[in-house]
């Protein structure tokens, strides 16, 4: 399959469509079936993903891009890139602590474990002036057709221009993708989903990995 698509900066009118896009693309991620109680909990998923794209768009240190199918004008990919300086790490920790209570409908122990894992991964690069892949998503039906690589290339180009590394906290399914792009693992954290699921339900270990690319 040959895709005819183009990449553009995200504009505010894209946010509702992006929220729906991520909701659809992330539905198969195993850990989400345990993070969101009363699965599929469509209302809470929709709200959570819309808040995520709003947050990325409102971040003054971030730039958001979309990949669009030129024939259908459908969004098929999304990436958020943000510069992070060492002195900003302390502020990030404070922001996490200030988030307050976990919304109803989410699994508090599992969400706390995920947050602790992402903080541990972030600490590996907290002293490094870098560019982060804050968020990235590609429509499942067009994966392995170069869309993700084109989006990450935006990060490579910016990282090269600024002479800084490009870092990502990769979810389990995307680790091989970043590995092929020559990102190197800094640390990983394994979360045993079996403790949050009913016995013999097919859940296992879910890995989050910190990965860095150097130009």
Protein backbone atom coordinates (compact mmCIF):
# COMPACT_ATOMS: atom_id res chain seq x y z
CA UNK A 1 0.00 0.00 0.00
CA UNK A 2 1.31 3.42 -0.99
CA UNK A 3 0.13 6.24 1.21
CA UNK A 4 -0.30 9.77 -0.05
CA UNK A 5 -0.11 11.92 3.04
CA UNK A 6 1.37 15.17 4.28
CA UNK A 7 2.47 16.54 7.65
CA UNK A 8 1.21 19.84 9.06
CA UNK A 9 1.31 21.75 12.35
CA UNK A 10 -1.71 21.12 14.53
CA UNK A 11 -4.21 23.98 14.82
CA UNK A 12 -6.81 24.48 17.52
CA UNK A 13 -9.67 23.24 15.36
CA UNK A 14 -7.89 19.86 15.10
CA UNK A 15 -8.14 19.11 18.82
CA UNK A 16 -11.56 17.36 18.90
CA UNK A 17 -10.60 15.15 15.95
CA UNK A 18 -7.23 14.37 17.51
CA UNK A 19 -8.88 13.32 20.76
CA UNK A 20 -11.10 10.89 18.84
CA UNK A 21 -8.14 9.70 16.79
CA UNK A 22 -6.05 8.80 19.85
CA UNK A 23 -9.05 7.17 21.52
CA UNK A 24 -9.47 4.91 18.50
CA UNK A 25 -5.75 4.19 18.04
CA UNK A 26 -5.11 3.34 21.72
CA UNK A 27 -8.08 1.02 22.24
CA UNK A 28 -5.94 -2.09 21.69
CA UNK A 29 -3.26 -1.12 24.25
CA UNK A 30 -3.52 -3.84 26.90
CA UNK A 31 -2.76 -1.69 29.92
CA UNK A 32 -5.64 0.67 29.12
CA UNK A 33 -8.14 -2.12 29.76
CA UNK A 34 -7.01 -2.08 33.38
CA UNK A 35 -6.35 1.65 33.85
CA UNK A 36 -9.92 2.52 32.81
CA UNK A 37 -12.37 0.83 35.14
CA UNK A 38 -15.68 -0.47 33.79
CA UNK A 39 -14.01 -0.99 30.42
CA UNK A 40 -14.43 0.40 27.82
CA UNK A 41 -15.70 3.47 29.74
CA UNK A 42 -15.97 5.42 26.50
CA UNK A 43 -16.89 8.71 28.14
CA UNK A 44 -13.84 8.81 30.40
CA UNK A 45 -11.52 7.65 27.62
CA UNK A 46 -12.79 10.39 25.33
CA UNK A 47 -12.37 13.04 28.03
CA UNK A 48 -8.88 11.83 28.95
CA UNK A 49 -7.54 11.82 25.41
CA UNK A 50 -9.08 15.18 24.60
CA UNK A 51 -7.41 16.64 27.71
CA UNK A 52 -4.12 15.10 26.57
CA UNK A 53 -4.20 16.81 23.17
CA UNK A 54 -5.31 20.08 24.76
CA UNK A 55 -2.38 19.90 27.17
CA UNK A 56 0.13 19.27 24.38
CA UNK A 57 -1.25 22.11 22.27
CA UNK A 58 -1.22 24.55 25.20
CA UNK A 59 2.35 23.72 26.21
CA UNK A 60 4.50 26.71 25.13
CA UNK A 61 7.61 24.51 24.95
CA UNK A 62 5.96 21.96 22.66
CA UNK A 63 5.17 21.72 18.97
CA UNK A 64 2.42 19.45 17.68
CA UNK A 65 2.18 17.91 14.21
CA UNK A 66 -0.37 15.77 12.39
CA UNK A 67 -0.05 13.41 9.43
CA UNK A 68 -3.05 13.70 7.13
CA UNK A 69 -4.24 11.36 4.37
CA UNK A 70 -4.40 13.65 1.33
CA UNK A 71 -7.27 11.72 -0.26
CA UNK A 72 -9.60 11.56 2.75
CA UNK A 73 -8.20 14.41 4.88
CA UNK A 74 -8.25 11.94 7.77
CA UNK A 75 -5.65 12.30 10.54
CA UNK A 76 -3.45 9.19 10.50
CA UNK A 77 -0.59 10.26 12.77
CA UNK A 78 0.23 12.68 15.57
CA UNK A 79 3.36 13.74 17.43
CA UNK A 80 4.18 16.24 20.17
CA UNK A 81 7.80 17.39 20.55
CA UNK A 82 8.96 19.45 23.50
CA UNK A 83 12.29 20.88 24.63
CA UNK A 84 13.23 20.10 28.22
CA UNK A 85 16.03 21.76 30.17
CA UNK A 86 17.60 20.27 33.33
CA UNK A 87 16.23 22.96 35.63
CA UNK A 88 12.68 22.16 34.51
CA UNK A 89 12.69 18.65 36.02
CA UNK A 90 11.93 19.92 39.54
CA UNK A 91 8.99 21.91 38.22
CA UNK A 92 7.62 18.83 36.47
CA UNK A 93 7.69 16.85 39.72
CA UNK A 94 5.80 19.63 41.46
CA UNK A 95 3.18 19.68 38.71
CA UNK A 96 2.63 15.93 39.11
CA UNK A 97 2.22 16.31 42.88
CA UNK A 98 -0.22 19.18 42.36
CA UNK A 99 -2.54 17.20 40.10
CA UNK A 100 -4.51 16.09 43.15
CA UNK A 101 -6.96 13.23 43.28
CA UNK A 102 -7.36 10.64 40.57
CA UNK A 103 -10.61 11.00 38.60
CA UNK A 104 -13.36 8.47 39.25
CA UNK A 105 -13.25 5.63 36.77
CA UNK A 106 -9.48 5.16 36.79
CA UNK A 107 -7.52 2.46 38.62
CA UNK A 108 -5.57 4.36 41.35
CA UNK A 109 -2.92 1.72 42.23
CA UNK A 110 -2.10 0.97 38.61
CA UNK A 111 -2.08 4.63 37.60
CA UNK A 112 0.25 5.38 40.52
CA UNK A 113 2.58 2.60 39.38
CA UNK A 114 2.62 3.98 35.83
CA UNK A 115 3.33 7.51 37.10
CA UNK A 116 6.16 6.23 39.29
CA UNK A 117 7.61 4.35 36.31
CA UNK A 118 7.54 7.41 34.05
CA UNK A 119 9.19 9.53 36.76
CA UNK A 120 11.94 6.94 37.20
CA UNK A 121 12.54 6.92 33.44
CA UNK A 122 12.59 10.73 33.32
CA UNK A 123 15.22 10.86 36.06
CA UNK A 124 17.70 9.08 33.77
CA UNK A 125 17.81 12.15 31.54
CA UNK A 126 16.80 14.90 33.97
CA UNK A 127 20.26 16.50 33.84
CA UNK A 128 20.25 16.56 30.04
CA UNK A 129 19.10 19.44 27.84
CA UNK A 130 17.05 17.48 25.32
CA UNK A 131 14.07 17.25 23.00
CA UNK A 132 11.31 14.89 24.15
CA UNK A 133 8.81 12.92 22.13
CA UNK A 134 6.03 13.80 24.55
CA UNK A 135 3.32 11.94 22.66
CA UNK A 136 3.12 9.99 19.45
CA UNK A 137 0.38 7.94 17.83
CA UNK A 138 -0.14 6.38 14.40
CA UNK A 139 -3.37 4.85 13.11
CA UNK A 140 -2.96 1.05 13.47
CA UNK A 141 -4.02 0.30 9.88
CA UNK A 142 -1.22 2.46 8.43
CA UNK A 143 1.55 1.42 10.78
CA UNK A 144 4.71 0.00 9.13
CA UNK A 145 4.22 2.32 6.16
CA UNK A 146 6.62 5.05 7.20
CA UNK A 147 4.20 7.48 8.86
CA UNK A 148 5.77 7.14 12.30
CA UNK A 149 9.28 7.45 10.89
CA UNK A 150 8.35 10.65 9.06
CA UNK A 151 6.92 12.13 12.24
CA UNK A 152 9.99 11.20 14.29
CA UNK A 153 12.18 12.69 11.54
CA UNK A 154 10.79 16.08 12.59
CA UNK A 155 12.33 15.40 15.98
CA UNK A 156 15.62 14.26 14.46
CA UNK A 157 15.85 17.43 12.38
CA UNK A 158 15.18 19.71 15.32
CA UNK A 159 17.50 17.78 17.65
CA UNK A 160 20.30 17.94 15.09
CA UNK A 161 19.79 21.67 14.55
CA UNK A 162 19.95 22.34 18.28
CA UNK A 163 22.68 19.73 18.91
CA UNK A 164 20.70 17.99 21.63
CA UNK A 165 19.49 14.38 22.02
CA UNK A 166 15.95 13.18 21.35
CA UNK A 167 14.35 11.19 24.17
CA UNK A 168 11.17 9.15 24.55
CA UNK A 169 9.35 7.11 27.17
CA UNK A 170 8.19 4.25 24.95
CA UNK A 171 5.26 1.95 25.65
CA UNK A 172 5.82 -1.76 25.11
CA UNK A 173 4.40 -2.04 21.56
CA UNK A 174 6.50 0.88 20.26
CA UNK A 175 9.87 -0.15 21.71
CA UNK A 176 10.92 -2.15 18.58
CA UNK A 177 9.97 0.84 16.40
CA UNK A 178 12.25 3.22 18.29
CA UNK A 179 14.96 0.57 18.46
CA UNK A 180 14.99 0.39 14.64
CA UNK A 181 15.43 4.16 14.54
CA UNK A 182 18.61 3.71 16.63
CA UNK A 183 17.27 4.97 19.92
CA UNK A 184 19.20 3.40 22.80
CA UNK A 185 17.55 2.27 26.01
CA UNK A 186 18.53 4.13 29.18
CA UNK A 187 16.30 2.23 31.61
CA UNK A 188 13.11 0.21 31.59
CA UNK A 189 10.40 -0.50 34.14
CA UNK A 190 8.22 -3.61 34.02
CA UNK A 191 4.67 -3.46 35.38
CA UNK A 192 3.06 -6.81 36.20
CA UNK A 193 -0.52 -6.38 35.01
CA UNK A 194 -1.52 -9.78 36.39
CA UNK A 195 -1.88 -8.28 39.87
CA UNK A 196 -4.59 -5.96 38.58
CA UNK A 197 -6.49 -8.50 36.49
CA UNK A 198 -8.56 -11.60 37.14
CA UNK A 199 -6.68 -14.91 37.09
CA UNK A 200 -5.88 -16.48 33.71
CA UNK A 201 -7.19 -13.46 31.79
CA UNK A 202 -4.16 -13.20 29.51
CA UNK A 203 -2.45 -10.18 31.02
CA UNK A 204 1.30 -10.23 31.62
CA UNK A 205 4.18 -7.81 32.04
CA UNK A 206 3.90 -4.37 30.42
CA UNK A 207 7.18 -2.55 29.81
CA UNK A 208 7.91 1.16 29.68
CA UNK A 209 11.36 2.07 28.38
CA UNK A 210 13.36 5.27 28.40
CA UNK A 211 15.17 5.61 25.06
CA UNK A 212 17.51 8.28 23.67
CA UNK A 213 18.76 9.10 20.19
CA UNK A 214 22.00 11.04 19.74
CA UNK A 215 22.84 12.80 16.46
